[in-house]
PDB file of N, CA and C in Angstrom:
ATOM      1  N   MET A   1       3.656 -62.928  22.161  1.00  0.00           N
ATOM      2  CA  MET A   1       2.373 -62.898  21.501  1.00  0.00           C
ATOM      3  C   MET A   1       1.293 -62.656  22.546  1.00  0.00           C
ATOM      4  N   THR A   2       0.168 -62.162  22.106  1.00  0.00           N
ATOM      5  CA  THR A   2      -0.934 -61.917  23.036  1.00  0.00           C
ATOM      6  C   THR A   2      -1.808 -63.161  23.137  1.00  0.00           C
ATOM      7  N   LEU A   3      -2.601 -63.223  24.178  1.00  0.00           N
ATOM      8  CA  LEU A   3      -3.512 -64.349  24.342  1.00  0.00           C
ATOM      9  C   LEU A   3      -4.523 -64.389  23.203  1.00  0.00           C
ATOM     10  N   PHE A   4      -4.940 -63.225  22.709  1.00  0.00           N
ATOM     11  CA  PHE A   4      -5.926 -63.187  21.626  1.00  0.00           C
ATOM     12  C   PHE A   4      -5.384 -63.797  20.338  1.00  0.00           C
ATOM     13  N   SER A   5      -4.096 -63.700  20.113  1.00  0.00           N
ATOM     14  CA  SER A   5      -3.507 -64.260  18.890  1.00  0.00           C
ATOM     15  C   SER A   5      -2.999 -65.690  19.074  1.00  0.00           C
ATOM     16  N   ALA A   6      -3.134 -66.241  20.268  1.00  0.00           N
ATOM     17  CA  ALA A   6      -2.667 -67.608  20.546  1.00  0.00           C
ATOM     18  C   ALA A   6      -3.563 -68.645  19.860  1.00  0.00           C
ATOM     19  N   GLN A   7      -2.984 -69.787  19.580  1.00  0.00           N
ATOM     20  CA  GLN A   7      -3.694 -70.886  18.918  1.00  0.00           C
ATOM     21  C   GLN A   7      -4.675 -71.532  19.892  1.00  0.00           C
ATOM     22  N   GLU A   8      -5.872 -71.814  19.409  1.00  0.00           N
ATOM     23  CA  GLU A   8      -6.897 -72.460  20.236  1.00  0.00           C
ATOM     24  C   GLU A   8      -6.480 -73.883  20.593  1.00  0.00           C
ATOM     25  N   GLY A   9      -6.741 -74.276  21.841  1.00  0.00           N
ATOM     26  CA  GLY A   9      -6.480 -75.631  22.292  1.00  0.00           C
ATOM     27  C   GLY A   9      -5.043 -75.900  22.722  1.00  0.00           C
ATOM     28  N   LYS A  10      -4.167 -74.942  22.588  1.00  0.00           N
ATOM     29  CA  LYS A  10      -2.763 -75.120  22.947  1.00  0.00           C
ATOM     30  C   LYS A  10      -2.488 -74.401  24.268  1.00  0.00           C
ATOM     31  N   GLU A  11      -1.683 -75.047  25.125  1.00  0.00           N
ATOM     32  CA  GLU A  11      -1.363 -74.456  26.418  1.00  0.00           C
ATOM     33  C   GLU A  11      -0.160 -73.517  26.298  1.00  0.00           C
ATOM     34  N   TYR A  12      -0.278 -72.377  26.932  1.00  0.00           N
ATOM     35  CA  TYR A  12       0.776 -71.370  26.957  1.00  0.00           C
ATOM     36  C   TYR A  12       1.067 -70.998  28.407  1.00  0.00           C
ATOM     37  N   ILE A  13       2.158 -70.291  28.613  1.00  0.00           N
ATOM     38  CA  ILE A  13       2.511 -69.754  29.928  1.00  0.00           C
ATOM     39  C   ILE A  13       2.388 -68.230  29.849  1.00  0.00           C
ATOM     40  N   ILE A  14       1.765 -67.641  30.854  1.00  0.00           N
ATOM     41  CA  ILE A  14       1.639 -66.187  30.887  1.00  0.00           C
ATOM     42  C   ILE A  14       3.010 -65.593  31.188  1.00  0.00           C
ATOM     43  N   ASP A  15       3.447 -64.728  30.299  1.00  0.00           N
ATOM     44  CA  ASP A  15       4.736 -64.058  30.454  1.00  0.00           C
ATOM     45  C   ASP A  15       4.578 -62.807  31.321  1.00  0.00           C
ATOM     46  N   ARG A  16       3.616 -61.977  30.972  1.00  0.00           N
ATOM     47  CA  ARG A  16       3.379 -60.749  31.728  1.00  0.00           C
ATOM     48  C   ARG A  16       2.024 -60.158  31.327  1.00  0.00           C
ATOM     49  N   ILE A  17       1.578 -59.204  32.125  1.00  0.00           N
ATOM     50  CA  ILE A  17       0.372 -58.448  31.823  1.00  0.00           C
ATOM     51  C   ILE A  17       0.825 -57.056  31.414  1.00  0.00           C
ATOM     52  N   GLU A  18       0.484 -56.652  30.200  1.00  0.00           N
ATOM     53  CA  GLU A  18       0.908 -55.352  29.678  1.00  0.00           C
ATOM     54  C   GLU A  18      -0.242 -54.364  29.761  1.00  0.00           C
ATOM     55  N   THR A  19      -0.263 -53.593  30.836  1.00  0.00           N
ATOM     56  CA  THR A  19      -1.270 -52.549  30.975  1.00  0.00           C
ATOM     57  C   THR A  19      -0.785 -51.514  31.977  1.00  0.00           C
ATOM     58  N   ASP A  20      -1.241 -50.298  31.788  1.00  0.00           N
ATOM     59  CA  ASP A  20      -0.957 -49.236  32.741  1.00  0.00           C
ATOM     60  C   ASP A  20      -2.127 -49.049  33.707  1.00  0.00           C
ATOM     61  N   ASP A  21      -3.191 -49.804  33.480  1.00  0.00           N
ATOM     62  CA  ASP A  21      -4.403 -49.707  34.291  1.00  0.00           C
ATOM     63  C   ASP A  21      -4.300 -50.663  35.481  1.00  0.00           C
ATOM     64  N   GLY A  22      -4.158 -50.116  36.670  1.00  0.00           N
ATOM     65  CA  GLY A  22      -4.029 -50.933  37.876  1.00  0.00           C
ATOM     66  C   GLY A  22      -5.255 -51.783  38.161  1.00  0.00           C
ATOM     67  N   GLU A  23      -6.454 -51.248  37.879  1.00  0.00           N
ATOM     68  CA  GLU A  23      -7.694 -52.005  38.106  1.00  0.00           C
ATOM     69  C   GLU A  23      -7.764 -53.216  37.181  1.00  0.00           C
ATOM     70  N   LEU A  24      -7.364 -53.030  35.936  1.00  0.00           N
ATOM     71  CA  LEU A  24      -7.356 -54.127  34.972  1.00  0.00           C
ATOM     72  C   LEU A  24      -6.380 -55.207  35.410  1.00  0.00           C
ATOM     73  N   GLU A  25      -5.220 -54.805  35.846  1.00  0.00           N
ATOM     74  CA  GLU A  25      -4.212 -55.768  36.312  1.00  0.00           C
ATOM     75  C   GLU A  25      -4.706 -56.526  37.546  1.00  0.00           C
ATOM     76  N   ASP A  26      -5.350 -55.822  38.478  1.00  0.00           N
ATOM     77  CA  ASP A  26      -5.907 -56.467  39.673  1.00  0.00           C
ATOM     78  C   ASP A  26      -7.016 -57.443  39.310  1.00  0.00           C
ATOM     79  N   PHE A  27      -7.854 -57.061  38.343  1.00  0.00           N
ATOM     80  CA  PHE A  27      -8.937 -57.941  37.907  1.00  0.00           C
ATOM     81  C   PHE A  27      -8.382 -59.232  37.312  1.00  0.00           C
ATOM     82  N   LEU A  28      -7.410 -59.109  36.423  1.00  0.00           N
ATOM     83  CA  LEU A  28      -6.811 -60.298  35.815  1.00  0.00           C
ATOM     84  C   LEU A  28      -6.123 -61.164  36.858  1.00  0.00           C
ATOM     85  N   PHE A  29      -5.482 -60.538  37.836  1.00  0.00           N
ATOM     86  CA  PHE A  29      -4.847 -61.291  38.915  1.00  0.00           C
ATOM     87  C   PHE A  29      -5.896 -62.075  39.702  1.00  0.00           C
ATOM     88  N   SER A  30      -7.068 -61.478  39.930  1.00  0.00           N
ATOM     89  CA  SER A  30      -8.128 -62.173  40.666  1.00  0.00           C
ATOM     90  C   SER A  30      -8.661 -63.384  39.896  1.00  0.00           C
ATOM     91  N   LEU A  31      -8.507 -63.374  38.569  1.00  0.00           N
ATOM     92  CA  LEU A  31      -8.906 -64.526  37.748  1.00  0.00           C
ATOM     93  C   LEU A  31      -7.832 -65.607  37.735  1.00  0.00           C
ATOM     94  N   GLY A  32      -6.649 -65.278  38.198  1.00  0.00           N
ATOM     95  CA  GLY A  32      -5.544 -66.231  38.190  1.00  0.00           C
ATOM     96  C   GLY A  32      -4.566 -65.983  37.067  1.00  0.00           C
ATOM     97  N   CYS A  33      -4.675 -64.838  36.417  1.00  0.00           N
ATOM     98  CA  CYS A  33      -3.777 -64.491  35.313  1.00  0.00           C
ATOM     99  C   CYS A  33      -2.606 -63.691  35.834  1.00  0.00           C
ATOM    100  N   TYR A  34      -1.497 -64.367  36.032  1.00  0.00           N
ATOM    101  CA  TYR A  34      -0.269 -63.698  36.440  1.00  0.00           C
ATOM    102  C   TYR A  34       0.908 -64.470  35.876  1.00  0.00           C
ATOM    103  N   SER A  35       2.048 -63.870  35.900  1.00  0.00           N
ATOM    104  CA  SER A  35       3.255 -64.418  35.295  1.00  0.00           C
ATOM    105  C   SER A  35       3.547 -65.839  35.787  1.00  0.00           C
ATOM    106  N   GLY A  36       3.823 -66.739  34.828  1.00  0.00           N
ATOM    107  CA  GLY A  36       4.183 -68.119  35.148  1.00  0.00           C
ATOM    108  C   GLY A  36       3.013 -69.082  35.187  1.00  0.00           C
ATOM    109  N   GLU A  37       1.790 -68.581  35.070  1.00  0.00           N
ATOM    110  CA  GLU A  37       0.595 -69.428  35.153  1.00  0.00           C
ATOM    111  C   GLU A  37       0.240 -69.991  33.773  1.00  0.00           C
ATOM    112  N   PRO A  38      -0.059 -71.306  33.671  1.00  0.00           N
ATOM    113  CA  PRO A  38      -0.489 -71.870  32.388  1.00  0.00           C
ATOM    114  C   PRO A  38      -1.898 -71.407  32.027  1.00  0.00           C
ATOM    115  N   VAL A  39      -2.123 -71.178  30.748  1.00  0.00           N
ATOM    116  CA  VAL A  39      -3.417 -70.721  30.245  1.00  0.00           C
ATOM    117  C   VAL A  39      -3.656 -71.343  28.875  1.00  0.00           C
ATOM    118  N   THR A  40      -4.906 -71.644  28.569  1.00  0.00           N
ATOM    119  CA  THR A  40      -5.276 -72.231  27.285  1.00  0.00           C
ATOM    120  C   THR A  40      -6.429 -71.441  26.683  1.00  0.00           C
ATOM    121  N   VAL A  41      -6.340 -71.135  25.390  1.00  0.00           N
ATOM    122  CA  VAL A  41      -7.457 -70.508  24.680  1.00  0.00           C
ATOM    123  C   VAL A  41      -8.394 -71.619  24.245  1.00  0.00           C
ATOM    124  N   ILE A  42      -9.627 -71.587  24.749  1.00  0.00           N
ATOM    125  CA  ILE A  42     -10.618 -72.596  24.404  1.00  0.00           C
ATOM    126  C   ILE A  42     -11.299 -72.241  23.085  1.00  0.00           C
ATOM    127  N   ALA A  43     -11.704 -70.995  22.952  1.00  0.00           N
ATOM    128  CA  ALA A  43     -12.376 -70.531  21.734  1.00  0.00           C
ATOM    129  C   ALA A  43     -12.154 -69.042  21.584  1.00  0.00           C
ATOM    130  N   ARG A  44     -12.242 -68.596  20.356  1.00  0.00           N
ATOM    131  CA  ARG A  44     -12.095 -67.170  20.070  1.00  0.00           C
ATOM    132  C   ARG A  44     -13.174 -66.807  19.062  1.00  0.00           C
ATOM    133  N   GLN A  45     -13.872 -65.745  19.361  1.00  0.00           N
ATOM    134  CA  GLN A  45     -14.861 -65.245  18.421  1.00  0.00           C
ATOM    135  C   GLN A  45     -14.481 -63.830  18.037  1.00  0.00           C
ATOM    136  N   ARG A  46     -15.369 -63.135  17.434  1.00  0.00           N
ATOM    137  CA  ARG A  46     -15.077 -61.813  16.896  1.00  0.00           C
ATOM    138  C   ARG A  46     -14.346 -60.897  17.887  1.00  0.00           C
ATOM    139  N   ASN A  47     -14.944 -60.628  19.023  1.00  0.00           N
ATOM    140  CA  ASN A  47     -14.334 -59.711  19.986  1.00  0.00           C
ATOM    141  C   ASN A  47     -14.201 -60.311  21.374  1.00  0.00           C
ATOM    142  N   THR A  48     -14.290 -61.627  21.485  1.00  0.00           N
ATOM    143  CA  THR A  48     -14.157 -62.279  22.785  1.00  0.00           C
ATOM    144  C   THR A  48     -13.210 -63.465  22.690  1.00  0.00           C
ATOM    145  N   CYS A  49     -12.729 -63.870  23.838  1.00  0.00           N
ATOM    146  CA  CYS A  49     -11.817 -64.995  23.930  1.00  0.00           C
ATOM    147  C   CYS A  49     -12.213 -65.805  25.167  1.00  0.00           C
ATOM    148  N   VAL A  50     -12.427 -67.101  24.997  1.00  0.00           N
ATOM    149  CA  VAL A  50     -12.714 -67.979  26.127  1.00  0.00           C
ATOM    150  C   VAL A  50     -11.408 -68.656  26.502  1.00  0.00           C
ATOM    151  N   MET A  51     -10.997 -68.456  27.757  1.00  0.00           N
ATOM    152  CA  MET A  51      -9.735 -69.019  28.199  1.00  0.00           C
ATOM    153  C   MET A  51      -9.950 -69.907  29.408  1.00  0.00           C
ATOM    154  N   SER A  52      -9.025 -70.820  29.594  1.00  0.00           N
ATOM    155  CA  SER A  52      -9.035 -71.705  30.747  1.00  0.00           C
ATOM    156  C   SER A  52      -7.774 -71.437  31.546  1.00  0.00           C
ATOM    157  N   VAL A  53      -7.974 -71.092  32.814  1.00  0.00           N
ATOM    158  CA  VAL A  53      -6.856 -70.845  33.712  1.00  0.00           C
ATOM    159  C   VAL A  53      -7.263 -71.333  35.099  1.00  0.00           C
ATOM    160  N   LYS A  54      -6.379 -72.102  35.734  1.00  0.00           N
ATOM    161  CA  LYS A  54      -6.634 -72.651  37.075  1.00  0.00           C
ATOM    162  C   LYS A  54      -7.959 -73.432  37.135  1.00  0.00           C
ATOM    163  N   ASP A  55      -8.195 -74.311  36.178  1.00  0.00           N
ATOM    164  CA  ASP A  55      -9.386 -75.166  36.123  1.00  0.00           C
ATOM    165  C   ASP A  55     -10.696 -74.380  36.060  1.00  0.00           C
ATOM    166  N   SER A  56     -10.643 -73.153  35.584  1.00  0.00           N
ATOM    167  CA  SER A  56     -11.843 -72.339  35.393  1.00  0.00           C
ATOM    168  C   SER A  56     -11.828 -71.779  33.984  1.00  0.00           C
ATOM    169  N   ARG A  57     -13.022 -71.504  33.465  1.00  0.00           N
ATOM    170  CA  ARG A  57     -13.139 -70.903  32.138  1.00  0.00           C
ATOM    171  C   ARG A  57     -13.723 -69.511  32.270  1.00  0.00           C
ATOM    172  N   TYR A  58     -13.143 -68.585  31.508  1.00  0.00           N
ATOM    173  CA  TYR A  58     -13.606 -67.206  31.522  1.00  0.00           C
ATOM    174  C   TYR A  58     -13.726 -66.701  30.096  1.00  0.00           C
ATOM    175  N   CYS A  59     -14.738 -65.902  29.863  1.00  0.00           N
ATOM    176  CA  CYS A  59     -14.909 -65.231  28.579  1.00  0.00           C
ATOM    177  C   CYS A  59     -14.501 -63.775  28.793  1.00  0.00           C
ATOM    178  N   ILE A  60     -13.442 -63.363  28.123  1.00  0.00           N
ATOM    179  CA  ILE A  60     -12.944 -62.001  28.288  1.00  0.00           C
ATOM    180  C   ILE A  60     -12.980 -61.288  26.941  1.00  0.00           C
ATOM    181  N   ASP A  61     -13.027 -59.972  26.983  1.00  0.00           N
ATOM    182  CA  ASP A  61     -13.081 -59.218  25.735  1.00  0.00           C
ATOM    183  C   ASP A  61     -11.690 -59.092  25.103  1.00  0.00           C
ATOM    184  N   ARG A  62     -11.678 -58.537  23.928  1.00  0.00           N
ATOM    185  CA  ARG A  62     -10.442 -58.443  23.156  1.00  0.00           C
ATOM    186  C   ARG A  62      -9.382 -57.607  23.874  1.00  0.00           C
ATOM    187  N   GLN A  63      -9.794 -56.497  24.505  1.00  0.00           N
ATOM    188  CA  GLN A  63      -8.852 -55.623  25.204  1.00  0.00           C
ATOM    189  C   GLN A  63      -8.128 -56.383  26.312  1.00  0.00           C
ATOM    190  N   LEU A  64      -8.864 -57.166  27.098  1.00  0.00           N
ATOM    191  CA  LEU A  64      -8.237 -57.938  28.172  1.00  0.00           C
ATOM    192  C   LEU A  64      -7.301 -58.995  27.611  1.00  0.00           C
ATOM    193  N   SER A  65      -7.751 -59.698  26.583  1.00  0.00           N
ATOM    194  CA  SER A  65      -6.927 -60.772  26.036  1.00  0.00           C
ATOM    195  C   SER A  65      -5.677 -60.255  25.349  1.00  0.00           C
ATOM    196  N   GLN A  66      -5.695 -59.020  24.876  1.00  0.00           N
ATOM    197  CA  GLN A  66      -4.497 -58.454  24.248  1.00  0.00           C
ATOM    198  C   GLN A  66      -3.525 -57.901  25.284  1.00  0.00           C
ATOM    199  N   ALA A  67      -3.971 -57.733  26.519  1.00  0.00           N
ATOM    200  CA  ALA A  67      -3.081 -57.272  27.587  1.00  0.00           C
ATOM    201  C   ALA A  67      -2.269 -58.433  28.168  1.00  0.00           C
ATOM    202  N   ILE A  68      -2.706 -59.667  27.903  1.00  0.00           N
ATOM    203  CA  ILE A  68      -2.027 -60.855  28.446  1.00  0.00           C
ATOM    204  C   ILE A  68      -1.006 -61.355  27.420  1.00  0.00           C
ATOM    205  N   ARG A  69       0.274 -61.276  27.783  1.00  0.00           N
ATOM    206  CA  ARG A  69       1.352 -61.770  26.924  1.00  0.00           C
ATOM    207  C   ARG A  69       1.707 -63.190  27.328  1.00  0.00           C
ATOM    208  N   VAL A  70       1.789 -64.078  26.343  1.00  0.00           N
ATOM    209  CA  VAL A  70       2.063 -65.495  26.612  1.00  0.00           C
ATOM    210  C   VAL A  70       3.228 -65.971  25.759  1.00  0.00           C
ATOM    211  N   PHE A  71       3.785 -67.146  26.129  1.00  0.00           N
ATOM    212  CA  PHE A  71       4.803 -67.799  25.302  1.00  0.00           C
ATOM    213  C   PHE A  71       4.545 -69.296  25.314  1.00  0.00           C
ATOM    214  N   ASP A  72       5.076 -69.989  24.287  1.00  0.00           N
ATOM    215  CA  ASP A  72       4.922 -71.438  24.150  1.00  0.00           C
ATOM    216  C   ASP A  72       5.626 -72.168  25.287  1.00  0.00           C
ATOM    217  N   ILE A  73       5.076 -73.327  25.593  1.00  0.00           N
ATOM    218  CA  ILE A  73       5.720 -74.180  26.592  1.00  0.00           C
ATOM    219  C   ILE A  73       6.857 -74.926  25.929  1.00  0.00           C
TER     220      ILE A  73
END
């Protein structure tokens, strides 16, 4: 499942980043989004997703959140 479709308030593990865009992958890596890292969706609105990763909160757009594949703990 993608991060955008994940349940709010529940912790997930990042499975992989699905993108062919190297810059996008590097950007997400700089935020701490890489395989095996725990992530939580704090809130989701129309086209944005607020996530918590590595004790930080980030607001990312729908495209970024759909590139992050997660699974249940």
